[in-house]
């Protein structure tokens, strides 16, 4: 992992089997995250690629039960605050030492809805899992 001190950006590059690259940007704040002692407190990323976005959404829906978490629906966004349940993801279980002091995960889903009622309708559709 390299830190660019000019922009306060931490970039981590991971190469998958298709040679896709994913860069994470982090804001510097006081405190530590996992085993990092450089003052890194929070990490923020946007999944713009449709394949990454839908893959994450599918894992989120199948692994996490949303009935136990804080949910806020606004005009075209759904904000979900998860606790330490992020450790349920198989990819994180293999690298638990990096997420040991992890406090919570906030996921913001931006929809194409125009009103809050349309966003709520989309959300209820996401909650219906196939049996």
N, C-alpha and C. Protein backbone atom coordinates (compact mmCIF):
# COMPACT_ATOMS: atom_id res chain seq x y z
N UNK A 1 0.84 -1.17 0.00
CA UNK A 1 0.00 0.00 0.00
C UNK A 1 0.88 1.23 0.00
N UNK A 2 0.53 2.21 -0.80
CA UNK A 2 1.30 3.43 -0.89
C UNK A 2 0.41 4.60 -0.50
N UNK A 3 1.01 5.58 0.15
CA UNK A 3 0.26 6.76 0.54
C UNK A 3 0.81 7.95 -0.23
N UNK A 4 -0.07 8.71 -0.85
CA UNK A 4 0.29 9.93 -1.53
C UNK A 4 0.04 11.08 -0.57
N UNK A 5 1.10 11.64 0.01
CA UNK A 5 0.95 12.65 1.05
C UNK A 5 0.39 13.96 0.51
N UNK A 6 0.52 14.23 -0.79
CA UNK A 6 -0.01 15.47 -1.35
C UNK A 6 -1.53 15.49 -1.29
N UNK A 7 -2.17 14.36 -1.51
CA UNK A 7 -3.62 14.31 -1.57
C UNK A 7 -4.25 13.59 -0.38
N UNK A 8 -3.45 13.02 0.51
CA UNK A 8 -3.99 12.26 1.63
C UNK A 8 -4.73 11.03 1.15
N UNK A 9 -4.24 10.42 0.07
CA UNK A 9 -4.92 9.29 -0.55
C UNK A 9 -4.09 8.04 -0.35
N UNK A 10 -4.73 6.99 0.08
CA UNK A 10 -4.09 5.69 0.23
C UNK A 10 -4.59 4.84 -0.91
N UNK A 11 -3.71 4.33 -1.73
CA UNK A 11 -4.18 3.50 -2.84
C UNK A 11 -3.67 2.09 -2.67
N UNK A 12 -4.56 1.15 -2.87
CA UNK A 12 -4.21 -0.25 -2.77
C UNK A 12 -4.64 -0.90 -4.07
N UNK A 13 -3.76 -1.61 -4.71
CA UNK A 13 -4.09 -2.22 -5.99
C UNK A 13 -4.18 -3.72 -5.82
N UNK A 14 -5.27 -4.29 -6.28
CA UNK A 14 -5.49 -5.73 -6.21
C UNK A 14 -5.73 -6.23 -7.63
N UNK A 15 -5.01 -7.22 -8.03
CA UNK A 15 -5.13 -7.74 -9.39
C UNK A 15 -5.93 -9.04 -9.34
N UNK A 16 -7.06 -9.07 -10.02
CA UNK A 16 -7.88 -10.28 -10.05
C UNK A 16 -7.50 -11.12 -11.25
N UNK A 17 -8.21 -12.23 -11.44
CA UNK A 17 -7.88 -13.14 -12.54
C UNK A 17 -8.10 -12.48 -13.89
N UNK A 18 -9.01 -11.50 -13.98
CA UNK A 18 -9.22 -10.79 -15.25
C UNK A 18 -8.34 -9.55 -15.36
N UNK A 19 -7.41 -9.38 -14.42
CA UNK A 19 -6.50 -8.24 -14.39
C UNK A 19 -7.24 -6.92 -14.22
N UNK A 20 -8.32 -6.94 -13.43
CA UNK A 20 -9.02 -5.70 -13.10
C UNK A 20 -8.32 -5.06 -11.92
N UNK A 21 -8.34 -3.77 -11.87
CA UNK A 21 -7.71 -3.05 -10.77
C UNK A 21 -8.77 -2.30 -9.99
N UNK A 22 -8.63 -2.30 -8.69
CA UNK A 22 -9.55 -1.60 -7.80
C UNK A 22 -8.72 -0.71 -6.90
N UNK A 23 -8.97 0.57 -6.93
CA UNK A 23 -8.23 1.52 -6.09
C UNK A 23 -9.14 2.03 -4.99
N UNK A 24 -8.65 2.00 -3.78
CA UNK A 24 -9.40 2.50 -2.63
C UNK A 24 -8.83 3.85 -2.23
N UNK A 25 -9.71 4.79 -1.96
CA UNK A 25 -9.27 6.10 -1.50
C UNK A 25 -9.66 6.24 -0.04
N UNK A 26 -8.81 6.81 0.70
CA UNK A 26 -9.06 6.93 2.14
C UNK A 26 -8.83 8.36 2.59
N UNK A 27 -9.65 8.79 3.51
CA UNK A 27 -9.45 10.09 4.13
C UNK A 27 -8.60 9.89 5.38
N UNK A 28 -7.66 10.77 5.58
CA UNK A 28 -6.82 10.68 6.78
C UNK A 28 -7.55 11.35 7.93
N UNK A 29 -7.65 10.63 9.04
CA UNK A 29 -8.21 11.16 10.27
C UNK A 29 -7.42 10.59 11.42
N UNK A 30 -7.62 11.14 12.60
CA UNK A 30 -6.91 10.63 13.77
C UNK A 30 -7.40 9.23 14.09
N UNK A 31 -6.49 8.39 14.57
CA UNK A 31 -6.83 7.03 14.95
C UNK A 31 -6.16 6.03 14.03
N UNK A 32 -6.51 4.77 14.22
CA UNK A 32 -5.93 3.72 13.40
C UNK A 32 -7.02 2.82 12.86
N UNK A 33 -6.73 2.15 11.80
CA UNK A 33 -7.63 1.17 11.20
C UNK A 33 -6.87 -0.13 11.10
N UNK A 34 -7.34 -1.15 11.79
CA UNK A 34 -6.67 -2.45 11.75
C UNK A 34 -5.23 -2.34 12.21
N UNK A 35 -4.32 -2.86 11.43
CA UNK A 35 -2.92 -2.84 11.78
C UNK A 35 -2.17 -1.62 11.28
N UNK A 36 -2.89 -0.67 10.67
CA UNK A 36 -2.22 0.51 10.13
C UNK A 36 -2.04 1.54 11.23
N UNK A 37 -0.86 2.12 11.32
CA UNK A 37 -0.59 3.11 12.36
C UNK A 37 -0.31 4.48 11.76
N UNK A 38 -0.73 4.72 10.52
CA UNK A 38 -0.44 6.00 9.87
C UNK A 38 -1.56 7.02 10.04
N UNK A 39 -2.47 6.80 10.99
CA UNK A 39 -3.54 7.76 11.23
C UNK A 39 -4.76 7.54 10.36
N UNK A 40 -4.82 6.46 9.63
CA UNK A 40 -5.95 6.17 8.76
C UNK A 40 -7.14 5.73 9.59
N UNK A 41 -8.28 6.36 9.41
CA UNK A 41 -9.47 6.04 10.21
C UNK A 41 -10.61 5.51 9.35
N UNK A 42 -10.82 6.04 8.17
CA UNK A 42 -11.95 5.59 7.37
C UNK A 42 -11.54 5.42 5.91
N UNK A 43 -12.21 4.51 5.25
CA UNK A 43 -11.96 4.24 3.84
C UNK A 43 -13.27 4.43 3.10
N UNK A 44 -13.20 5.08 1.95
CA UNK A 44 -14.40 5.32 1.15
C UNK A 44 -14.09 4.94 -0.29
N UNK A 45 -15.01 4.23 -0.90
CA UNK A 45 -14.83 3.85 -2.30
C UNK A 45 -16.18 3.87 -3.00
N UNK A 46 -16.15 4.04 -4.31
CA UNK A 46 -17.36 3.99 -5.13
C UNK A 46 -17.21 2.87 -6.14
N UNK A 47 -18.22 2.04 -6.24
CA UNK A 47 -18.21 0.95 -7.22
C UNK A 47 -18.99 1.43 -8.44
N UNK A 48 -18.29 1.88 -9.47
CA UNK A 48 -18.93 2.41 -10.67
C UNK A 48 -19.06 1.35 -11.77
N UNK A 49 -18.21 0.36 -11.74
CA UNK A 49 -18.27 -0.70 -12.74
C UNK A 49 -19.51 -1.56 -12.48
N UNK A 50 -20.37 -1.77 -13.48
CA UNK A 50 -21.58 -2.57 -13.25
C UNK A 50 -21.30 -3.96 -12.70
N UNK A 51 -20.24 -4.61 -13.16
CA UNK A 51 -19.97 -5.96 -12.66
C UNK A 51 -19.58 -5.94 -11.18
N UNK A 52 -18.74 -5.00 -10.77
CA UNK A 52 -18.36 -4.89 -9.35
C UNK A 52 -19.56 -4.49 -8.50
N UNK A 53 -20.34 -3.55 -9.01
CA UNK A 53 -21.48 -3.03 -8.27
C UNK A 53 -22.52 -4.12 -8.02
N UNK A 54 -22.90 -4.84 -9.06
CA UNK A 54 -23.93 -5.86 -8.91
C UNK A 54 -23.42 -7.09 -8.15
N UNK A 55 -22.14 -7.39 -8.28
CA UNK A 55 -21.54 -8.49 -7.52
C UNK A 55 -21.60 -8.18 -6.02
N UNK A 56 -21.23 -6.94 -5.65
CA UNK A 56 -21.28 -6.54 -4.24
C UNK A 56 -22.72 -6.52 -3.74
N UNK A 57 -23.65 -6.00 -4.52
CA UNK A 57 -25.06 -5.95 -4.11
C UNK A 57 -25.62 -7.35 -3.91
N UNK A 58 -25.28 -8.28 -4.79
CA UNK A 58 -25.74 -9.67 -4.65
C UNK A 58 -25.20 -10.29 -3.36
N UNK A 59 -23.91 -10.09 -3.08
CA UNK A 59 -23.34 -10.63 -1.84
C UNK A 59 -23.98 -9.99 -0.62
N UNK A 60 -24.21 -8.70 -0.69
CA UNK A 60 -24.82 -7.98 0.42
C UNK A 60 -26.21 -8.52 0.72
N UNK A 61 -27.00 -8.76 -0.31
CA UNK A 61 -28.37 -9.24 -0.13
C UNK A 61 -28.39 -10.68 0.37
N UNK A 62 -27.50 -11.53 -0.13
CA UNK A 62 -27.54 -12.95 0.25
C UNK A 62 -26.89 -13.22 1.61
N UNK A 63 -25.91 -12.43 2.01
CA UNK A 63 -25.19 -12.69 3.26
C UNK A 63 -25.82 -11.98 4.45
N UNK A 64 -26.25 -10.75 4.27
CA UNK A 64 -26.71 -9.92 5.38
C UNK A 64 -28.24 -9.91 5.46
N UNK A 65 -28.77 -10.03 6.67
CA UNK A 65 -30.21 -9.85 6.91
C UNK A 65 -30.43 -8.39 7.27
N UNK A 66 -31.14 -7.66 6.43
CA UNK A 66 -31.28 -6.22 6.60
C UNK A 66 -32.24 -5.82 7.71
N UNK A 67 -32.99 -6.75 8.24
CA UNK A 67 -33.98 -6.41 9.26
C UNK A 67 -33.34 -6.02 10.58
N UNK A 68 -32.07 -6.32 10.78
CA UNK A 68 -31.39 -6.05 12.05
C UNK A 68 -30.59 -4.75 12.05
N UNK A 69 -30.63 -3.97 10.98
CA UNK A 69 -29.73 -2.84 10.85
C UNK A 69 -30.48 -1.53 10.63
N UNK A 70 -29.77 -0.44 10.90
CA UNK A 70 -30.31 0.90 10.71
C UNK A 70 -30.44 1.18 9.22
N UNK A 71 -31.60 1.67 8.84
CA UNK A 71 -31.88 1.94 7.43
C UNK A 71 -32.49 3.33 7.31
N UNK A 72 -32.01 4.09 6.34
CA UNK A 72 -32.55 5.42 6.09
C UNK A 72 -32.78 5.56 4.59
N UNK A 73 -34.01 5.89 4.21
CA UNK A 73 -34.35 6.07 2.80
C UNK A 73 -34.64 7.54 2.56
N UNK A 74 -33.93 8.12 1.60
CA UNK A 74 -34.16 9.50 1.19
C UNK A 74 -34.55 9.49 -0.27
N UNK A 75 -34.57 10.63 -0.92
CA UNK A 75 -35.08 10.78 -2.28
C UNK A 75 -34.71 9.61 -3.20
N UNK A 76 -33.45 9.45 -3.52
CA UNK A 76 -33.05 8.34 -4.40
C UNK A 76 -31.93 7.51 -3.80
N UNK A 77 -31.74 7.58 -2.49
CA UNK A 77 -30.68 6.81 -1.85
C UNK A 77 -31.21 5.96 -0.71
N UNK A 78 -30.54 4.84 -0.51
CA UNK A 78 -30.81 3.94 0.61
C UNK A 78 -29.50 3.83 1.39
N UNK A 79 -29.52 4.24 2.65
CA UNK A 79 -28.33 4.19 3.49
C UNK A 79 -28.50 3.11 4.53
N UNK A 80 -27.56 2.17 4.56
CA UNK A 80 -27.59 1.05 5.49
C UNK A 80 -26.33 1.11 6.34
N UNK A 81 -26.49 1.08 7.65
CA UNK A 81 -25.34 1.06 8.55
C UNK A 81 -25.25 -0.32 9.17
N UNK A 82 -24.19 -1.03 8.84
CA UNK A 82 -23.95 -2.37 9.36
C UNK A 82 -22.92 -2.29 10.47
N UNK A 83 -23.03 -3.14 11.44
CA UNK A 83 -22.05 -3.19 12.52
C UNK A 83 -20.84 -3.98 12.08
N UNK A 84 -20.39 -4.84 12.93
CA UNK A 84 -19.22 -5.66 12.64
C UNK A 84 -19.58 -6.87 11.78
N UNK A 85 -20.81 -6.93 11.29
CA UNK A 85 -21.24 -8.06 10.46
C UNK A 85 -20.52 -8.10 9.12
N UNK A 86 -19.75 -7.09 8.81
CA UNK A 86 -18.97 -7.10 7.58
C UNK A 86 -18.00 -8.29 7.58
N UNK A 87 -17.71 -8.81 8.75
CA UNK A 87 -16.81 -9.97 8.87
C UNK A 87 -17.43 -11.24 8.31
N UNK A 88 -18.72 -11.21 7.99
CA UNK A 88 -19.38 -12.38 7.42
C UNK A 88 -19.00 -12.61 5.95
N UNK A 89 -18.47 -11.59 5.30
CA UNK A 89 -18.07 -11.75 3.90
C UNK A 89 -16.87 -12.70 3.83
N UNK A 90 -16.92 -13.69 2.95
CA UNK A 90 -15.82 -14.67 2.87
C UNK A 90 -14.47 -14.04 2.55
N UNK A 91 -14.46 -12.97 1.75
CA UNK A 91 -13.20 -12.32 1.39
C UNK A 91 -12.53 -11.69 2.61
N UNK A 92 -13.32 -11.23 3.56
CA UNK A 92 -12.78 -10.57 4.75
C UNK A 92 -12.35 -11.59 5.79
N UNK A 93 -13.01 -12.73 5.84
CA UNK A 93 -12.67 -13.75 6.83
C UNK A 93 -11.22 -14.20 6.68
N UNK A 94 -10.71 -14.23 5.46
CA UNK A 94 -9.34 -14.65 5.21
C UNK A 94 -8.31 -13.60 5.63
N UNK A 95 -8.75 -12.35 5.80
CA UNK A 95 -7.85 -11.26 6.15
C UNK A 95 -8.36 -10.54 7.40
N UNK A 96 -8.78 -11.32 8.37
CA UNK A 96 -9.41 -10.78 9.57
C UNK A 96 -8.52 -9.80 10.33
N UNK A 97 -7.22 -10.00 10.31
CA UNK A 97 -6.31 -9.14 11.08
C UNK A 97 -6.39 -7.68 10.65
N UNK A 98 -6.75 -7.41 9.39
CA UNK A 98 -6.87 -6.03 8.92
C UNK A 98 -8.17 -5.38 9.39
N UNK A 99 -9.16 -6.19 9.74
CA UNK A 99 -10.48 -5.68 10.10
C UNK A 99 -10.82 -5.92 11.57
N UNK A 100 -9.82 -6.23 12.38
CA UNK A 100 -10.04 -6.57 13.78
C UNK A 100 -10.69 -5.43 14.56
N UNK A 101 -10.26 -4.21 14.33
CA UNK A 101 -10.81 -3.07 15.07
C UNK A 101 -11.91 -2.35 14.28
N UNK A 102 -12.45 -3.00 13.31
CA UNK A 102 -13.48 -2.42 12.45
C UNK A 102 -14.74 -2.13 13.25
N UNK A 103 -15.27 -0.92 13.18
CA UNK A 103 -16.44 -0.53 13.96
C UNK A 103 -17.76 -0.72 13.21
N UNK A 104 -17.87 -0.18 12.01
CA UNK A 104 -19.09 -0.36 11.23
C UNK A 104 -18.84 -0.12 9.75
N UNK A 105 -19.83 -0.47 8.96
CA UNK A 105 -19.79 -0.29 7.52
C UNK A 105 -21.05 0.45 7.12
N UNK A 106 -20.88 1.52 6.38
CA UNK A 106 -22.03 2.26 5.88
C UNK A 106 -22.08 2.09 4.36
N UNK A 107 -23.20 1.57 3.88
CA UNK A 107 -23.41 1.34 2.46
C UNK A 107 -24.48 2.31 1.98
N UNK A 108 -24.19 3.04 0.92
CA UNK A 108 -25.16 3.95 0.33
C UNK A 108 -25.46 3.46 -1.08
N UNK A 109 -26.71 3.11 -1.31
CA UNK A 109 -27.15 2.64 -2.63
C UNK A 109 -27.88 3.79 -3.30
N UNK A 110 -27.36 4.26 -4.42
CA UNK A 110 -28.00 5.33 -5.18
C UNK A 110 -28.83 4.68 -6.28
N UNK A 111 -30.12 5.00 -6.30
CA UNK A 111 -31.04 4.38 -7.26
C UNK A 111 -31.42 5.37 -8.36
N UNK A 112 -32.15 4.88 -9.33
CA UNK A 112 -32.66 5.73 -10.41
C UNK A 112 -34.04 6.28 -10.09
N UNK A 113 -34.51 6.06 -8.89
CA UNK A 113 -35.85 6.53 -8.49
C UNK A 113 -35.89 8.05 -8.44
N UNK A 114 -37.08 8.59 -8.69
CA UNK A 114 -37.25 10.04 -8.67
C UNK A 114 -37.85 10.54 -7.36
N UNK A 115 -38.54 9.68 -6.64
CA UNK A 115 -39.17 10.07 -5.39
C UNK A 115 -38.81 9.08 -4.28
N UNK A 116 -39.11 9.47 -3.05
CA UNK A 116 -38.86 8.59 -1.92
C UNK A 116 -39.74 7.35 -1.98
N UNK A 117 -40.98 7.49 -2.46
CA UNK A 117 -41.88 6.34 -2.59
C UNK A 117 -41.35 5.32 -3.59
N UNK A 118 -40.79 5.78 -4.70
CA UNK A 118 -40.19 4.87 -5.68
C UNK A 118 -38.98 4.15 -5.08
N UNK A 119 -38.19 4.87 -4.29
CA UNK A 119 -37.03 4.26 -3.64
C UNK A 119 -37.48 3.19 -2.65
N UNK A 120 -38.54 3.45 -1.89
CA UNK A 120 -39.06 2.45 -0.95
C UNK A 120 -39.58 1.22 -1.70
N UNK A 121 -40.19 1.42 -2.85
CA UNK A 121 -40.67 0.30 -3.66
C UNK A 121 -39.49 -0.56 -4.14
N UNK A 122 -38.42 0.09 -4.61
CA UNK A 122 -37.22 -0.66 -5.02
C UNK A 122 -36.63 -1.43 -3.85
N UNK A 123 -36.61 -0.81 -2.66
CA UNK A 123 -36.04 -1.46 -1.49
C UNK A 123 -36.84 -2.69 -1.10
N UNK A 124 -38.17 -2.62 -1.13
CA UNK A 124 -38.97 -3.79 -0.77
C UNK A 124 -38.75 -4.91 -1.77
N UNK A 125 -38.48 -4.58 -3.02
CA UNK A 125 -38.15 -5.60 -4.01
C UNK A 125 -36.83 -6.28 -3.71
N UNK A 126 -35.86 -5.52 -3.19
CA UNK A 126 -34.56 -6.11 -2.83
C UNK A 126 -34.66 -7.04 -1.63
N UNK A 127 -35.61 -6.76 -0.75
CA UNK A 127 -35.75 -7.58 0.45
C UNK A 127 -36.37 -8.94 0.17
N UNK A 128 -37.03 -9.10 -0.96
CA UNK A 128 -37.68 -10.37 -1.28
C UNK A 128 -36.65 -11.31 -1.89
N UNK A 129 -36.25 -12.31 -1.11
CA UNK A 129 -35.26 -13.29 -1.57
C UNK A 129 -35.98 -14.49 -2.14
N UNK A 130 -35.36 -15.08 -3.15
CA UNK A 130 -35.92 -16.32 -3.71
C UNK A 130 -35.67 -17.46 -2.75
N UNK A 131 -36.65 -18.33 -2.62
CA UNK A 131 -36.52 -19.48 -1.71
C UNK A 131 -36.02 -20.69 -2.48
